[in-house]
Amino acid sequence: MGRMASTPVRFGACPVRIAAQTAGTEQARSKWRDDTQPWRKWYKLARWRALRWDVLVRDLFTCRRCGLLVADTSRLVADHIRPHRGDEALFWDDANLQCLCKACHDRDKQAEERAGR
C-alpha cells in the first residue's frame, strides 16, 4: 500500500483583514450606541463600579441563573433585572440588579430581552 499524498494547506490564502473588519465594525457600533444612547456613559462612572461591586458581593459572586460561583470578577455582570432603557432611577436601583455570569448574560438574558420577555 502506498503513502497517501498530502494536500496543500490553503488557509494562507484567506485574507487577514476579516478580523480587522469585525473589530472595526464593533468599534463603529459601539460609538454609534454611545452617541445615540447617552445613558451608556453611566457605566463608566465610579458610582456604577461601586454599585456593581456591591451587587457582586451581595450575591456572593454567584450567577443567579446557573448557580456558578466565579472567582474572576471580569467574568461577572451586574445585570438589570428589568431593562432600564435610560430610566435613571431604575438604572441605579440595586434591587433591580442581579449577578450573572457573562455566558448567561450574553446568551440567555440578551435573547430574552430581544424576544421581548
N, C-alpha and C. Protein backbone atom coordinates (compact mmCIF):
# COMPACT_ATOMS: atom_id res chain seq x y z
N MET A 1 0.85 -1.17 0.00
CA MET A 1 0.00 0.00 0.00
C MET A 1 0.90 1.24 0.00
N GLY A 2 0.61 2.17 -0.88
CA GLY A 2 1.43 3.36 -0.99
C GLY A 2 1.01 4.45 0.00
N ARG A 3 1.86 5.42 0.14
CA ARG A 3 1.56 6.54 1.04
C ARG A 3 0.57 7.48 0.39
N MET A 4 -0.25 8.04 1.21
CA MET A 4 -1.23 8.99 0.72
C MET A 4 -0.56 10.35 0.53
N ALA A 5 -0.83 10.97 -0.57
CA ALA A 5 -0.24 12.28 -0.84
C ALA A 5 -0.89 13.32 0.06
N SER A 6 -0.10 14.22 0.59
CA SER A 6 -0.67 15.26 1.44
C SER A 6 -1.28 16.36 0.58
N THR A 7 -2.31 16.97 1.12
CA THR A 7 -2.95 18.07 0.41
C THR A 7 -2.32 19.38 0.86
N PRO A 8 -2.20 20.31 -0.04
CA PRO A 8 -1.58 21.58 0.33
C PRO A 8 -2.46 22.37 1.31
N VAL A 9 -1.81 23.12 2.18
CA VAL A 9 -2.53 23.97 3.12
C VAL A 9 -3.04 25.19 2.37
N ARG A 10 -4.32 25.50 2.52
CA ARG A 10 -4.92 26.61 1.76
C ARG A 10 -5.34 27.77 2.66
N PHE A 11 -5.09 27.65 3.95
CA PHE A 11 -5.52 28.71 4.85
C PHE A 11 -4.74 29.99 4.67
N GLY A 12 -3.54 29.92 4.13
CA GLY A 12 -2.74 31.11 3.92
C GLY A 12 -3.37 32.06 2.92
N ALA A 13 -4.28 31.55 2.10
CA ALA A 13 -4.91 32.38 1.08
C ALA A 13 -6.03 33.26 1.65
N CYS A 14 -6.50 32.95 2.86
CA CYS A 14 -7.58 33.75 3.47
C CYS A 14 -7.06 35.12 3.85
N PRO A 15 -7.81 36.16 3.57
CA PRO A 15 -7.34 37.49 3.95
C PRO A 15 -7.35 37.68 5.46
N VAL A 16 -6.32 38.30 5.97
CA VAL A 16 -6.18 38.55 7.40
C VAL A 16 -7.12 39.66 7.84
N ARG A 17 -7.57 40.47 6.94
CA ARG A 17 -8.38 41.63 7.29
C ARG A 17 -9.77 41.28 7.82
N ILE A 18 -10.18 40.02 7.77
CA ILE A 18 -11.50 39.64 8.27
C ILE A 18 -11.65 40.06 9.73
N ALA A 19 -10.66 39.74 10.56
CA ALA A 19 -10.70 40.11 11.98
C ALA A 19 -10.70 41.63 12.14
N ALA A 20 -9.91 42.31 11.33
CA ALA A 20 -9.86 43.77 11.41
C ALA A 20 -11.20 44.39 11.04
N GLN A 21 -11.88 43.81 10.03
CA GLN A 21 -13.18 44.35 9.64
C GLN A 21 -14.20 44.16 10.76
N THR A 22 -14.17 43.01 11.40
CA THR A 22 -15.09 42.75 12.51
C THR A 22 -14.83 43.71 13.65
N ALA A 23 -13.55 43.91 14.00
CA ALA A 23 -13.23 44.83 15.09
C ALA A 23 -13.66 46.24 14.74
N GLY A 24 -13.43 46.66 13.52
CA GLY A 24 -13.83 47.99 13.10
C GLY A 24 -15.33 48.16 13.14
N THR A 25 -16.05 47.14 12.75
CA THR A 25 -17.49 47.18 12.79
C THR A 25 -17.99 47.28 14.23
N GLU A 26 -17.39 46.50 15.12
CA GLU A 26 -17.78 46.54 16.53
C GLU A 26 -17.47 47.90 17.14
N GLN A 27 -16.32 48.47 16.79
CA GLN A 27 -15.98 49.80 17.29
C GLN A 27 -16.96 50.84 16.77
N ALA A 28 -17.31 50.75 15.52
CA ALA A 28 -18.28 51.69 14.94
C ALA A 28 -19.64 51.53 15.61
N ARG A 29 -20.04 50.29 15.85
CA ARG A 29 -21.33 50.02 16.51
C ARG A 29 -21.33 50.57 17.93
N SER A 30 -20.22 50.37 18.63
CA SER A 30 -20.12 50.88 19.99
C SER A 30 -20.18 52.41 20.02
N LYS A 31 -19.48 53.05 19.08
CA LYS A 31 -19.51 54.52 19.01
C LYS A 31 -20.92 55.01 18.69
N TRP A 32 -21.58 54.34 17.76
CA TRP A 32 -22.96 54.72 17.42
C TRP A 32 -23.86 54.61 18.64
N ARG A 33 -23.72 53.52 19.41
CA ARG A 33 -24.53 53.34 20.62
C ARG A 33 -24.21 54.42 21.65
N ASP A 34 -22.94 54.76 21.80
CA ASP A 34 -22.57 55.83 22.75
C ASP A 34 -23.18 57.16 22.34
N ASP A 35 -23.23 57.42 21.04
CA ASP A 35 -23.77 58.68 20.55
C ASP A 35 -25.30 58.75 20.66
N THR A 36 -25.97 57.62 20.46
CA THR A 36 -27.43 57.62 20.44
C THR A 36 -28.06 57.26 21.78
N GLN A 37 -27.28 56.69 22.69
CA GLN A 37 -27.80 56.28 24.00
C GLN A 37 -26.96 56.94 25.09
N PRO A 38 -27.29 58.16 25.46
CA PRO A 38 -26.44 58.91 26.39
C PRO A 38 -26.30 58.26 27.77
N TRP A 39 -27.23 57.40 28.16
CA TRP A 39 -27.12 56.74 29.46
C TRP A 39 -25.97 55.75 29.53
N ARG A 40 -25.40 55.36 28.39
CA ARG A 40 -24.27 54.41 28.40
C ARG A 40 -23.07 54.97 29.15
N LYS A 41 -22.97 56.29 29.24
CA LYS A 41 -21.84 56.88 29.97
C LYS A 41 -21.92 56.58 31.47
N TRP A 42 -23.11 56.24 31.97
CA TRP A 42 -23.25 55.90 33.39
C TRP A 42 -22.42 54.69 33.77
N TYR A 43 -22.22 53.76 32.81
CA TYR A 43 -21.43 52.57 33.08
C TYR A 43 -19.96 52.87 33.30
N LYS A 44 -19.52 54.06 32.96
CA LYS A 44 -18.11 54.42 33.12
C LYS A 44 -17.85 55.19 34.41
N LEU A 45 -18.88 55.46 35.18
CA LEU A 45 -18.74 56.24 36.41
C LEU A 45 -18.26 55.39 37.58
N ALA A 46 -17.55 56.03 38.51
CA ALA A 46 -17.10 55.35 39.73
C ALA A 46 -18.32 54.88 40.54
N ARG A 47 -19.39 55.63 40.48
CA ARG A 47 -20.61 55.25 41.19
C ARG A 47 -21.13 53.89 40.70
N TRP A 48 -21.08 53.67 39.37
CA TRP A 48 -21.52 52.38 38.82
C TRP A 48 -20.57 51.26 39.25
N ARG A 49 -19.25 51.52 39.20
CA ARG A 49 -18.30 50.48 39.59
C ARG A 49 -18.51 50.06 41.04
N ALA A 50 -18.80 51.02 41.92
CA ALA A 50 -19.06 50.71 43.32
C ALA A 50 -20.36 49.92 43.47
N LEU A 51 -21.40 50.33 42.75
CA LEU A 51 -22.68 49.63 42.82
C LEU A 51 -22.55 48.21 42.28
N ARG A 52 -21.83 48.05 41.18
CA ARG A 52 -21.59 46.73 40.61
C ARG A 52 -20.90 45.83 41.63
N TRP A 53 -19.87 46.35 42.26
CA TRP A 53 -19.14 45.57 43.25
C TRP A 53 -20.06 45.17 44.41
N ASP A 54 -20.88 46.09 44.87
CA ASP A 54 -21.82 45.79 45.96
C ASP A 54 -22.77 44.65 45.57
N VAL A 55 -23.23 44.65 44.33
CA VAL A 55 -24.14 43.61 43.85
C VAL A 55 -23.42 42.26 43.79
N LEU A 56 -22.19 42.25 43.28
CA LEU A 56 -21.43 41.00 43.19
C LEU A 56 -21.17 40.42 44.58
N VAL A 57 -20.83 41.28 45.53
CA VAL A 57 -20.60 40.83 46.91
C VAL A 57 -21.90 40.34 47.53
N ARG A 58 -22.97 41.10 47.35
CA ARG A 58 -24.28 40.71 47.90
C ARG A 58 -24.70 39.33 47.41
N ASP A 59 -24.46 39.05 46.12
CA ASP A 59 -24.85 37.78 45.53
C ASP A 59 -23.76 36.71 45.66
N LEU A 60 -22.71 37.03 46.44
CA LEU A 60 -21.62 36.09 46.73
C LEU A 60 -20.93 35.57 45.47
N PHE A 61 -20.78 36.44 44.48
CA PHE A 61 -20.07 36.12 43.23
C PHE A 61 -20.64 34.87 42.56
N THR A 62 -21.94 34.69 42.70
CA THR A 62 -22.62 33.51 42.16
C THR A 62 -23.68 33.95 41.16
N CYS A 63 -23.68 33.31 40.00
CA CYS A 63 -24.66 33.61 38.96
C CYS A 63 -26.05 33.20 39.44
N ARG A 64 -27.00 34.11 39.34
CA ARG A 64 -28.36 33.82 39.78
C ARG A 64 -29.10 32.88 38.83
N ARG A 65 -28.58 32.69 37.62
CA ARG A 65 -29.24 31.80 36.67
C ARG A 65 -28.73 30.37 36.76
N CYS A 66 -27.43 30.20 36.65
CA CYS A 66 -26.88 28.84 36.60
C CYS A 66 -26.25 28.41 37.92
N GLY A 67 -26.10 29.33 38.86
CA GLY A 67 -25.55 28.99 40.17
C GLY A 67 -24.04 28.86 40.19
N LEU A 68 -23.37 29.23 39.11
CA LEU A 68 -21.92 29.12 39.02
C LEU A 68 -21.25 30.15 39.91
N LEU A 69 -20.32 29.70 40.75
CA LEU A 69 -19.50 30.59 41.57
C LEU A 69 -18.28 30.97 40.76
N VAL A 70 -18.07 32.26 40.54
CA VAL A 70 -16.99 32.74 39.67
C VAL A 70 -16.04 33.61 40.47
N ALA A 71 -14.77 33.21 40.51
CA ALA A 71 -13.76 33.97 41.24
C ALA A 71 -13.26 35.18 40.45
N ASP A 72 -13.24 35.06 39.13
CA ASP A 72 -12.76 36.14 38.26
C ASP A 72 -13.90 37.12 38.01
N THR A 73 -13.87 38.27 38.68
CA THR A 73 -14.98 39.21 38.59
C THR A 73 -15.15 39.82 37.20
N SER A 74 -14.13 39.72 36.35
CA SER A 74 -14.29 40.23 34.99
C SER A 74 -15.24 39.33 34.19
N ARG A 75 -15.55 38.16 34.71
CA ARG A 75 -16.48 37.24 34.03
C ARG A 75 -17.87 37.29 34.65
N LEU A 76 -18.13 38.33 35.45
CA LEU A 76 -19.44 38.52 36.07
C LEU A 76 -20.03 39.85 35.61
N VAL A 77 -21.35 39.89 35.53
CA VAL A 77 -22.06 41.08 35.08
C VAL A 77 -23.09 41.46 36.14
N ALA A 78 -23.14 42.73 36.49
CA ALA A 78 -24.24 43.24 37.30
C ALA A 78 -25.35 43.59 36.32
N ASP A 79 -26.35 42.72 36.24
CA ASP A 79 -27.38 42.80 35.22
C ASP A 79 -28.64 43.46 35.78
N HIS A 80 -29.25 44.30 34.96
CA HIS A 80 -30.54 44.90 35.33
C HIS A 80 -31.64 43.87 35.08
N ILE A 81 -32.38 43.53 36.11
CA ILE A 81 -33.45 42.54 36.01
C ILE A 81 -34.52 43.04 35.04
N ARG A 82 -35.00 44.24 35.29
CA ARG A 82 -35.89 44.92 34.34
C ARG A 82 -35.04 45.91 33.56
N PRO A 83 -35.03 45.85 32.24
CA PRO A 83 -34.22 46.79 31.46
C PRO A 83 -34.58 48.24 31.79
N HIS A 84 -33.57 49.06 32.01
CA HIS A 84 -33.83 50.45 32.43
C HIS A 84 -34.15 51.35 31.26
N ARG A 85 -33.61 51.06 30.08
CA ARG A 85 -33.85 51.84 28.86
C ARG A 85 -33.74 53.35 29.08
N GLY A 86 -32.74 53.74 29.88
CA GLY A 86 -32.48 55.15 30.12
C GLY A 86 -33.15 55.73 31.34
N ASP A 87 -33.97 54.97 32.04
CA ASP A 87 -34.62 55.43 33.27
C ASP A 87 -33.57 55.45 34.38
N GLU A 88 -33.19 56.65 34.80
CA GLU A 88 -32.10 56.80 35.75
C GLU A 88 -32.39 56.14 37.10
N ALA A 89 -33.61 56.27 37.58
CA ALA A 89 -33.97 55.67 38.88
C ALA A 89 -33.87 54.15 38.81
N LEU A 90 -34.31 53.56 37.72
CA LEU A 90 -34.24 52.11 37.55
C LEU A 90 -32.80 51.65 37.36
N PHE A 91 -32.00 52.47 36.70
CA PHE A 91 -30.59 52.13 36.47
C PHE A 91 -29.84 52.00 37.79
N TRP A 92 -30.05 52.94 38.71
CA TRP A 92 -29.29 52.97 39.96
C TRP A 92 -29.93 52.15 41.08
N ASP A 93 -31.08 51.56 40.85
CA ASP A 93 -31.78 50.79 41.88
C ASP A 93 -31.09 49.44 42.08
N ASP A 94 -30.48 49.23 43.26
CA ASP A 94 -29.76 47.98 43.50
C ASP A 94 -30.70 46.78 43.61
N ALA A 95 -31.97 47.00 43.92
CA ALA A 95 -32.94 45.91 43.96
C ALA A 95 -33.26 45.41 42.55
N ASN A 96 -32.93 46.20 41.54
CA ASN A 96 -33.16 45.82 40.15
C ASN A 96 -31.91 45.20 39.53
N LEU A 97 -30.90 44.90 40.34
CA LEU A 97 -29.66 44.33 39.82
C LEU A 97 -29.45 42.92 40.35
N GLN A 98 -28.85 42.10 39.50
CA GLN A 98 -28.52 40.74 39.89
C GLN A 98 -27.15 40.38 39.31
N CYS A 99 -26.50 39.42 39.92
CA CYS A 99 -25.21 38.94 39.44
C CYS A 99 -25.44 37.81 38.45
N LEU A 100 -24.89 37.95 37.24
CA LEU A 100 -24.95 36.90 36.24
C LEU A 100 -23.55 36.64 35.72
N CYS A 101 -23.27 35.38 35.37
CA CYS A 101 -22.00 35.10 34.69
C CYS A 101 -22.13 35.66 33.27
N LYS A 102 -21.01 35.94 32.66
CA LYS A 102 -21.03 36.55 31.33
C LYS A 102 -21.77 35.67 30.32
N ALA A 103 -21.61 34.35 30.41
CA ALA A 103 -22.27 33.45 29.47
C ALA A 103 -23.79 33.55 29.58
N CYS A 104 -24.32 33.51 30.80
CA CYS A 104 -25.78 33.61 30.98
C CYS A 104 -26.29 34.98 30.53
N HIS A 105 -25.53 36.02 30.82
CA HIS A 105 -25.95 37.36 30.44
C HIS A 105 -25.95 37.53 28.93
N ASP A 106 -24.85 37.16 28.30
CA ASP A 106 -24.71 37.41 26.86
C ASP A 106 -25.56 36.47 26.02
N ARG A 107 -25.86 35.29 26.52
CA ARG A 107 -26.62 34.32 25.74
C ARG A 107 -28.10 34.36 26.13
N ASP A 108 -28.42 33.93 27.32
CA ASP A 108 -29.81 33.74 27.74
C ASP A 108 -30.55 35.06 27.95
N LYS A 109 -29.98 35.92 28.77
CA LYS A 109 -30.67 37.17 29.12
C LYS A 109 -30.87 38.07 27.91
N GLN A 110 -29.85 38.19 27.08
CA GLN A 110 -29.97 39.04 25.89
C GLN A 110 -31.01 38.48 24.92
N ALA A 111 -31.06 37.16 24.78
CA ALA A 111 -32.07 36.54 23.91
C ALA A 111 -33.47 36.82 24.41
N GLU A 112 -33.66 36.75 25.74
CA GLU A 112 -34.97 37.06 26.32
C GLU A 112 -35.36 38.51 26.05
N GLU A 113 -34.42 39.43 26.24
CA GLU A 113 -34.72 40.84 26.02
C GLU A 113 -35.04 41.11 24.57
N ARG A 114 -34.32 40.46 23.65
CA ARG A 114 -34.63 40.65 22.22
C ARG A 114 -36.00 40.10 21.87
N ALA A 115 -36.40 39.02 22.55
CA ALA A 115 -37.71 38.41 22.30
C ALA A 115 -38.85 39.19 22.97
N GLY A 116 -38.49 40.16 23.80
CA GLY A 116 -39.48 41.00 24.44
C GLY A 116 -40.05 40.43 25.73
N ARG A 117 -39.34 39.48 26.33
CA ARG A 117 -39.81 38.90 27.60
C ARG A 117 -39.29 39.66 28.78
